[in-house]
Structures are given as structure tokens and as C-alpha cells.
Amino acid sequence: GTLRKREAVENETRDIIPVLARLCEQDKSVQRAFFCSPKVHQISKIPKEGGFCGYRNIQMLITYMKETQIPGHERFPGELPTIFQLQDMIEDAWDKGFNSVGRIETGGIRGTRKYIGTPEAQALFSSLGI
């Protein structure tokens, strides 16, 4: 046999979308269901983590990019960026002028537990040419 190393991340689950789709197909009460790509990894909150759902959404978008190797995936080599790394990337995007009103609205996010949303995701991805 072949021995393979597979890294497990506590709050990251692969292949959850196909399971959910099968469950919905088997449930007669479900009339219609829409799912994202099966390539997306589910990134859940860590217990007592707080309000980091905006960062988790960005991480899930990045997993899709990496799994499908769409243009821009090469901007995320190796491990999935952490929340601290994403904060740095968003702050860098603001420094470059991408949707920099976000910094004014939030007062900055580096090293904080502040909520972020689509404007911050847009700034990050736009700054990377994605």
C-alpha cells in the first residue's frame, strides 16, 4: 500500500457539501436545495472564538480557489491564511488604496476581534488582482 500524509485542521472539514446534498436528496420534505461547489472546505468557528465569520468566509473562498486552481490561487501557496494573516493582508490592501474607507469605518482591524464583511474581502482580493 501507499502511505499518505494528510494534514488535519481542527476547524476545517472537506467534502461536506456532497454529504449535505445526499441528505437533502433522501429527505422527502426537501423540495429544493442549493449548494456551493463541492470543492469548498467548511471552516467552522473554534469554541469561544467570537465573531470571526467574515474571516472564515474569506478562508472558504480561498479553499475554493486553491481546490479548483482558478486564476489567483497561486497567491495563496501553502497553508490557509490565519485570521492574523488575513488582517495583515486587509490592512495592506487599505494601505494600497483598495476600499480604504474600511479602515476609517472600523478604525483598523489588525490584532482586534472586530467584525469584517464583504468590503474587507473585496479590498483583500482586489489588492491581489483577483
C-alpha atoms as a PDB file:
ATOM      1  CA  GLY A   1       0.000   0.000   0.000  1.00  0.00           C
ATOM      2  CA  THR A   2       0.845   3.639  -0.223  1.00  0.00           C
ATOM      3  CA  LEU A   3       1.323   5.772   2.846  1.00  0.00           C
ATOM      4  CA  ARG A   4      -0.036   9.300   2.525  1.00  0.00           C
ATOM      5  CA  LYS A   5       0.325  12.195   4.907  1.00  0.00           C
ATOM      6  CA  ARG A   6      -2.826  14.228   5.353  1.00  0.00           C
ATOM      7  CA  GLU A   7      -2.783  17.319   7.495  1.00  0.00           C
ATOM      8  CA  ALA A   8      -5.900  17.807   9.603  1.00  0.00           C
ATOM      9  CA  VAL A   9      -7.031  21.222  10.738  1.00  0.00           C
ATOM     10  CA  GLU A  10      -9.345  21.216  13.754  1.00  0.00           C
ATOM     11  CA  ASN A  11     -11.978  23.535  12.314  1.00  0.00           C
ATOM     12  CA  GLU A  12     -11.698  22.601   8.615  1.00  0.00           C
ATOM     13  CA  THR A  13     -13.850  19.874   7.063  1.00  0.00           C
ATOM     14  CA  ARG A  14     -13.559  18.686   3.489  1.00  0.00           C
ATOM     15  CA  ASP A  15     -16.267  17.011   1.391  1.00  0.00           C
ATOM     16  CA  ILE A  16     -19.217  18.220   3.473  1.00  0.00           C
ATOM     17  CA  ILE A  17     -21.210  19.600   0.520  1.00  0.00           C
ATOM     18  CA  PRO A  18     -21.717  16.193  -1.181  1.00  0.00           C
ATOM     19  CA  VAL A  19     -22.887  14.731   2.141  1.00  0.00           C
ATOM     20  CA  LEU A  20     -25.403  17.543   2.611  1.00  0.00           C
ATOM     21  CA  ALA A  21     -26.614  17.112  -0.978  1.00  0.00           C
ATOM     22  CA  ARG A  22     -27.182  13.372  -0.449  1.00  0.00           C
ATOM     23  CA  LEU A  23     -29.061  14.008   2.795  1.00  0.00           C
ATOM     24  CA  CYS A  24     -31.324  16.514   1.061  1.00  0.00           C
ATOM     25  CA  GLU A  25     -31.974  14.082  -1.801  1.00  0.00           C
ATOM     26  CA  GLN A  26     -33.070  11.444   0.715  1.00  0.00           C
ATOM     27  CA  ASP A  27     -35.309  13.805   2.690  1.00  0.00           C
ATOM     28  CA  LYS A  28     -38.742  13.815   1.023  1.00  0.00           C
ATOM     29  CA  SER A  29     -39.649  17.107   2.716  1.00  0.00           C
ATOM     30  CA  VAL A  30     -36.877  18.968   0.849  1.00  0.00           C
ATOM     31  CA  GLN A  31     -38.325  20.397  -2.347  1.00  0.00           C
ATOM     32  CA  ARG A  32     -35.278  22.310  -3.494  1.00  0.00           C
ATOM     33  CA  ALA A  33     -31.791  22.985  -2.155  1.00  0.00           C
ATOM     34  CA  PHE A  34     -28.875  24.998  -3.495  1.00  0.00           C
ATOM     35  CA  PHE A  35     -25.274  24.263  -2.594  1.00  0.00           C
ATOM     36  CA  CYS A  36     -21.932  25.834  -3.276  1.00  0.00           C
ATOM     37  CA  SER A  37     -19.184  23.937  -5.062  1.00  0.00           C
ATOM     38  CA  PRO A  38     -18.207  20.604  -3.507  1.00  0.00           C
ATOM     39  CA  LYS A  39     -14.622  21.889  -3.650  1.00  0.00           C
ATOM     40  CA  VAL A  40     -15.277  24.349  -0.800  1.00  0.00           C
ATOM     41  CA  HIS A  41     -13.992  23.307   2.626  1.00  0.00           C
ATOM     42  CA  GLN A  42     -16.244  24.039   5.598  1.00  0.00           C
ATOM     43  CA  ILE A  43     -14.403  26.326   8.018  1.00  0.00           C
ATOM     44  CA  SER A  44     -16.130  26.492  11.384  1.00  0.00           C
ATOM     45  CA  LYS A  45     -15.615  28.684  14.388  1.00  0.00           C
ATOM     46  CA  ILE A  46     -13.379  27.461  17.167  1.00  0.00           C
ATOM     47  CA  PRO A  47     -15.121  27.359  20.587  1.00  0.00           C
ATOM     48  CA  LYS A  48     -15.117  30.762  22.318  1.00  0.00           C
ATOM     49  CA  GLU A  49     -13.614  32.310  19.194  1.00  0.00           C
ATOM     50  CA  GLY A  50     -16.019  35.218  18.902  1.00  0.00           C
ATOM     51  CA  GLY A  51     -17.207  36.942  15.753  1.00  0.00           C
ATOM     52  CA  PHE A  52     -14.758  35.911  13.082  1.00  0.00           C
ATOM     53  CA  CYS A  53     -17.313  34.741  10.488  1.00  0.00           C
ATOM     54  CA  GLY A  54     -16.101  37.265   7.897  1.00  0.00           C
ATOM     55  CA  TYR A  55     -12.607  35.789   8.104  1.00  0.00           C
ATOM     56  CA  ARG A  56     -13.987  32.245   7.914  1.00  0.00           C
ATOM     57  CA  ASN A  57     -15.915  33.215   4.772  1.00  0.00           C
ATOM     58  CA  ILE A  58     -12.706  34.516   3.190  1.00  0.00           C
ATOM     59  CA  GLN A  59     -10.927  31.288   4.153  1.00  0.00           C
ATOM     60  CA  MET A  60     -13.692  29.240   2.495  1.00  0.00           C
ATOM     61  CA  LEU A  61     -13.389  31.324  -0.682  1.00  0.00           C
ATOM     62  CA  ILE A  62      -9.646  30.681  -0.657  1.00  0.00           C
ATOM     63  CA  THR A  63     -10.178  26.903  -0.294  1.00  0.00           C
ATOM     64  CA  TYR A  64     -12.365  27.003  -3.398  1.00  0.00           C
ATOM     65  CA  MET A  65      -9.714  28.929  -5.310  1.00  0.00           C
ATOM     66  CA  LYS A  66      -6.984  26.510  -4.255  1.00  0.00           C
ATOM     67  CA  GLU A  67      -9.017  23.353  -4.952  1.00  0.00           C
ATOM     68  CA  THR A  68     -10.158  24.484  -8.408  1.00  0.00           C
ATOM     69  CA  GLN A  69      -6.891  26.275  -9.228  1.00  0.00           C
ATOM     70  CA  ILE A  70      -8.753  29.217 -10.718  1.00  0.00           C
ATOM     71  CA  PRO A  71      -6.725  32.319 -11.584  1.00  0.00           C
ATOM     72  CA  GLY A  72      -5.385  33.852  -8.392  1.00  0.00           C
ATOM     73  CA  HIS A  73      -4.994  30.586  -6.474  1.00  0.00           C
ATOM     74  CA  GLU A  74      -1.226  30.952  -6.675  1.00  0.00           C
ATOM     75  CA  ARG A  75      -1.499  33.994  -4.391  1.00  0.00           C
ATOM     76  CA  PHE A  76      -2.238  31.545  -1.544  1.00  0.00           C
ATOM     77  CA  PRO A  77       0.549  28.940  -1.531  1.00  0.00           C
ATOM     78  CA  GLY A  78       0.854  26.505   1.336  1.00  0.00           C
ATOM     79  CA  GLU A  79      -1.408  26.637   4.356  1.00  0.00           C
ATOM     80  CA  LEU A  80      -4.647  28.576   4.554  1.00  0.00           C
ATOM     81  CA  PRO A  81      -4.010  32.117   5.848  1.00  0.00           C
ATOM     82  CA  THR A  82      -4.782  32.569   9.546  1.00  0.00           C
ATOM     83  CA  ILE A  83      -7.041  35.317  10.861  1.00  0.00           C
ATOM     84  CA  PHE A  84      -3.966  37.346  11.844  1.00  0.00           C
ATOM     85  CA  GLN A  85      -2.512  36.927   8.341  1.00  0.00           C
ATOM     86  CA  LEU A  86      -5.836  37.935   6.775  1.00  0.00           C
ATOM     87  CA  GLN A  87      -5.910  41.023   8.993  1.00  0.00           C
ATOM     88  CA  ASP A  88      -2.441  41.954   7.744  1.00  0.00           C
ATOM     89  CA  MET A  89      -3.494  41.348   4.135  1.00  0.00           C
ATOM     90  CA  ILE A  90      -6.596  43.538   4.522  1.00  0.00           C
ATOM     91  CA  GLU A  91      -4.596  46.304   6.205  1.00  0.00           C
ATOM     92  CA  ASP A  92      -2.044  46.080   3.356  1.00  0.00           C
ATOM     93  CA  ALA A  93      -4.892  46.367   0.841  1.00  0.00           C
ATOM     94  CA  TRP A  94      -6.113  49.510   2.579  1.00  0.00           C
ATOM     95  CA  ASP A  95      -2.545  50.884   2.526  1.00  0.00           C
ATOM     96  CA  LYS A  96      -2.582  50.389  -1.249  1.00  0.00           C
ATOM     97  CA  GLY A  97      -5.867  52.316  -1.543  1.00  0.00           C
ATOM     98  CA  PHE A  98      -8.270  49.420  -2.024  1.00  0.00           C
ATOM     99  CA  ASN A  99     -11.593  50.264  -0.381  1.00  0.00           C
ATOM    100  CA  SER A 100      -9.628  52.153   2.254  1.00  0.00           C
ATOM    101  CA  VAL A 101     -12.795  53.669   3.704  1.00  0.00           C
ATOM    102  CA  GLY A 102     -12.986  50.344   5.567  1.00  0.00           C
ATOM    103  CA  ARG A 103     -10.120  51.435   7.784  1.00  0.00           C
ATOM    104  CA  ILE A 104     -11.962  54.657   8.603  1.00  0.00           C
ATOM    105  CA  GLU A 105     -15.176  52.765   9.369  1.00  0.00           C
ATOM    106  CA  THR A 106     -13.505  50.109  11.531  1.00  0.00           C
ATOM    107  CA  GLY A 107     -10.639  52.124  12.981  1.00  0.00           C
ATOM    108  CA  GLY A 108      -8.366  49.341  11.728  1.00  0.00           C
ATOM    109  CA  ILE A 109      -8.584  45.620  12.384  1.00  0.00           C
ATOM    110  CA  ARG A 110      -5.033  44.377  12.944  1.00  0.00           C
ATOM    111  CA  GLY A 111      -4.845  42.440  16.193  1.00  0.00           C
ATOM    112  CA  THR A 112      -8.520  43.028  17.046  1.00  0.00           C
ATOM    113  CA  ARG A 113     -11.690  40.946  17.279  1.00  0.00           C
ATOM    114  CA  LYS A 114     -13.678  43.402  15.130  1.00  0.00           C
ATOM    115  CA  TYR A 115     -16.195  42.128  12.624  1.00  0.00           C
ATOM    116  CA  ILE A 116     -15.388  42.386   8.937  1.00  0.00           C
ATOM    117  CA  GLY A 117     -17.618  41.991   5.907  1.00  0.00           C
ATOM    118  CA  THR A 118     -17.686  41.995   2.137  1.00  0.00           C
ATOM    119  CA  PRO A 119     -15.903  45.383   1.774  1.00  0.00           C
ATOM    120  CA  GLU A 120     -12.847  43.938   3.510  1.00  0.00           C
ATOM    121  CA  ALA A 121     -12.965  40.766   1.401  1.00  0.00           C
ATOM    122  CA  GLN A 122     -13.263  42.912  -1.730  1.00  0.00           C
ATOM    123  CA  ALA A 123     -10.279  45.021  -0.681  1.00  0.00           C
ATOM    124  CA  LEU A 124      -8.145  41.947   0.017  1.00  0.00           C
ATOM    125  CA  PHE A 125      -8.938  40.123  -3.236  1.00  0.00           C
ATOM    126  CA  SER A 126      -8.754  43.277  -5.377  1.00  0.00           C
ATOM    127  CA  SER A 127      -5.348  44.144  -3.941  1.00  0.00           C
ATOM    128  CA  LEU A 128      -4.134  40.712  -5.060  1.00  0.00           C
ATOM    129  CA  GLY A 129      -5.531  41.157  -8.571  1.00  0.00           C
ATOM    130  CA  ILE A 130      -8.326  38.655  -8.007  1.00  0.00           C
END
